[in-house]
Amino acid sequence: METINEIQDEIIEEFDGLDDWMDRYQLLIDLGSEQEPLDEKYKTEQNLIDGCQSRVWLQADYVEAPPQHSPEGREKVVVFRAESDALIVKGIVSLLIRVLSGHTPQEILDADLYFISRIGLREHLSPTRSNGLLAMVKQMRAYALAYSAK
C-alpha cells in the first residue's frame, strides 16, 4: 500500500510535465471525468460540503482495510467518494480522494497535503475555489477525526 506522501509525489510528477496552466486545468477536468459517479443515495444535504461555490457531495465510510494493507485484517480505513457539479472541482476532489482514501484516520489527520501548493493549485485557483478546496480538506479531516474516536 502506497503512503500518502508517495501518492502526493506521483501527482506532483504528473503535473510537473505540464508547464501551461490550461493543460493543468485540462488534466483536472479529465481526472474529474474519469471519476466514478457518486450513487444518488449519497447526494444528500448532509453530504454537501459547506464553503464550496459549486455543489460537492462527500461520502466517507469506515471499513476494514483490504488484506494487502493490513495482513492482520484488524485495521480500518476511511474510504471517500465524492461528486461535484463542476468539472474542475470534481478533478480537485478526485485528487484528494486519491491521496487520502484508503488510509487510517490517523494517517489522514497526520498528512501534510503539500501537493496542493506544489502543483500550483493554491495560486491558480480563484479565491472561491481555494476556499472550496480548504472546505473539502477540512471535511475529510473531520470524518477522519470522528472515525479515530471509534
Protein backbone atom coordinates (compact mmCIF):
# COMPACT_ATOMS: atom_id res chain seq x y z
CA MET A 1 0.00 0.00 0.00
CA GLU A 2 1.38 3.37 -1.01
CA THR A 3 1.81 6.03 1.63
CA ILE A 4 0.03 9.38 1.40
CA ASN A 5 3.34 11.07 0.56
CA GLU A 6 4.16 8.56 -2.21
CA ILE A 7 0.80 9.28 -3.82
CA GLN A 8 1.35 13.05 -3.48
CA ASP A 9 4.77 12.71 -5.14
CA GLU A 10 3.17 10.83 -8.07
CA ILE A 11 0.62 13.60 -8.53
CA ILE A 12 3.35 16.26 -8.41
CA GLU A 13 5.24 14.34 -11.10
CA GLU A 14 2.14 14.12 -13.32
CA PHE A 15 1.60 17.88 -13.08
CA ASP A 16 5.32 18.74 -13.42
CA GLY A 17 5.24 17.61 -17.04
CA LEU A 18 2.64 20.29 -17.82
CA ASP A 19 4.01 23.83 -17.98
CA ASP A 20 0.89 25.50 -19.27
CA TRP A 21 -1.97 26.11 -16.82
CA MET A 22 -4.54 25.36 -19.50
CA ASP A 23 -3.02 21.86 -19.73
CA ARG A 24 -3.18 21.51 -15.95
CA TYR A 25 -6.83 22.56 -15.90
CA GLN A 26 -7.48 20.05 -18.67
CA LEU A 27 -5.82 17.32 -16.58
CA LEU A 28 -8.06 18.25 -13.64
CA ILE A 29 -11.14 18.10 -15.89
CA ASP A 30 -10.03 14.71 -17.27
CA LEU A 31 -9.48 13.38 -13.73
CA GLY A 32 -12.94 14.60 -12.77
CA SER A 33 -14.49 12.95 -15.83
CA GLU A 34 -12.81 9.61 -15.05
CA GLN A 35 -14.13 9.55 -11.50
CA GLU A 36 -16.95 7.14 -10.81
CA PRO A 37 -20.23 8.97 -10.26
CA LEU A 38 -21.48 9.05 -6.70
CA ASP A 39 -24.53 6.93 -6.00
CA GLU A 40 -27.65 9.13 -5.91
CA LYS A 41 -28.44 7.95 -2.37
CA TYR A 42 -25.35 9.83 -1.13
CA LYS A 43 -26.29 13.12 -2.77
CA THR A 44 -27.92 14.42 0.38
CA GLU A 45 -27.87 17.77 2.18
CA GLN A 46 -25.87 16.09 4.93
CA ASN A 47 -23.09 15.15 2.47
CA LEU A 48 -22.90 18.61 0.86
CA ILE A 49 -19.72 20.46 1.79
CA ASP A 50 -20.22 23.93 3.21
CA GLY A 51 -17.94 26.59 1.80
CA CYS A 52 -17.86 25.35 -1.79
CA GLN A 53 -19.20 27.61 -4.51
CA SER A 54 -20.21 24.59 -6.58
CA ARG A 55 -22.02 21.65 -5.08
CA VAL A 56 -19.75 18.93 -3.72
CA TRP A 57 -21.03 15.81 -2.02
CA LEU A 58 -18.60 13.78 0.07
CA GLN A 59 -19.33 10.31 1.40
CA ALA A 60 -16.96 8.68 3.88
CA ASP A 61 -17.13 5.05 5.00
CA TYR A 62 -15.08 3.42 7.73
CA VAL A 63 -14.25 -0.09 6.54
CA GLU A 64 -11.81 -2.90 7.21
CA ALA A 65 -8.66 -2.43 5.19
CA PRO A 66 -8.06 -4.85 2.32
CA PRO A 67 -5.68 -7.70 3.29
CA GLN A 68 -2.70 -6.21 1.42
CA HIS A 69 -2.98 -3.04 3.54
CA SER A 70 -3.17 -4.80 6.86
CA PRO A 71 -2.46 -8.54 6.84
CA GLU A 72 -3.92 -8.92 10.34
CA GLY A 73 -7.19 -7.62 8.93
CA ARG A 74 -7.90 -5.55 12.04
CA GLU A 75 -7.04 -2.13 10.71
CA LYS A 76 -9.86 0.08 9.49
CA VAL A 77 -9.53 2.76 6.85
CA VAL A 78 -11.62 5.65 5.61
CA VAL A 79 -12.87 5.33 2.04
CA PHE A 80 -14.02 8.55 0.41
CA ARG A 81 -16.28 9.01 -2.59
CA ALA A 82 -17.41 12.33 -3.97
CA GLU A 83 -19.18 14.12 -6.76
CA SER A 84 -19.37 17.72 -7.89
CA ASP A 85 -21.44 19.57 -10.44
CA ALA A 86 -18.31 21.49 -11.57
CA LEU A 87 -15.70 19.63 -13.63
CA ILE A 88 -12.57 21.30 -12.25
CA VAL A 89 -13.84 20.86 -8.69
CA LYS A 90 -14.59 17.22 -9.46
CA GLY A 91 -10.96 16.87 -10.59
CA ILE A 92 -9.68 18.51 -7.41
CA VAL A 93 -11.80 16.29 -5.17
CA SER A 94 -10.67 13.23 -7.16
CA LEU A 95 -7.04 14.16 -6.33
CA LEU A 96 -7.91 14.50 -2.63
CA ILE A 97 -9.63 11.11 -2.72
CA ARG A 98 -6.63 9.55 -4.47
CA VAL A 99 -4.34 10.89 -1.72
CA LEU A 100 -6.45 10.27 1.39
CA SER A 101 -8.91 7.46 0.66
CA GLY A 102 -7.97 4.01 1.94
CA HIS A 103 -5.83 5.31 4.80
CA THR A 104 -6.37 5.14 8.54
CA PRO A 105 -7.92 8.11 10.34
CA GLN A 106 -4.57 8.83 12.00
CA GLU A 107 -2.70 8.82 8.68
CA ILE A 108 -5.26 11.27 7.29
CA LEU A 109 -5.02 13.54 10.33
CA ASP A 110 -1.20 13.48 10.23
CA ALA A 111 -0.99 14.13 6.47
CA ASP A 112 0.68 17.29 5.26
CA LEU A 113 -1.04 17.87 1.93
CA TYR A 114 1.94 19.55 0.29
CA PHE A 115 0.91 18.51 -3.22
CA ILE A 116 -1.74 21.27 -3.27
CA SER A 117 0.82 24.07 -3.31
CA ARG A 118 3.49 22.08 -5.19
CA ILE A 119 1.26 21.57 -8.26
CA GLY A 120 0.28 25.25 -8.10
CA LEU A 121 -3.35 24.85 -7.10
CA ARG A 122 -3.09 27.44 -4.33
CA GLU A 123 -2.04 30.28 -6.62
CA HIS A 124 -4.06 29.26 -9.71
CA LEU A 125 -7.48 28.72 -8.18
CA SER A 126 -9.92 31.56 -7.75
CA PRO A 127 -10.45 32.57 -4.10
CA THR A 128 -13.84 30.83 -4.04
CA ARG A 129 -12.35 27.60 -5.42
CA SER A 130 -9.48 27.86 -2.92
CA ASN A 131 -12.00 28.17 -0.11
CA GLY A 132 -13.85 25.17 -1.51
CA LEU A 133 -10.63 23.16 -1.61
CA LEU A 134 -9.93 24.02 2.03
CA ALA A 135 -13.52 23.12 2.92
CA MET A 136 -13.11 19.70 1.26
CA VAL A 137 -9.86 19.01 3.13
CA LYS A 138 -11.42 20.18 6.39
CA GLN A 139 -14.44 17.89 5.89
CA MET A 140 -12.23 14.87 5.08
CA ARG A 141 -10.21 15.53 8.24
CA ALA A 142 -13.42 15.92 10.25
CA TYR A 143 -14.53 12.45 9.12
CA ALA A 144 -11.10 11.04 10.00
CA LEU A 145 -11.27 12.65 13.44
CA ALA A 146 -14.76 11.26 14.05
CA TYR A 147 -13.68 7.76 12.99
CA SER A 148 -10.46 7.91 15.03
CA ALA A 149 -12.59 8.28 18.15
CA LYS A 150 -14.32 4.95 17.46
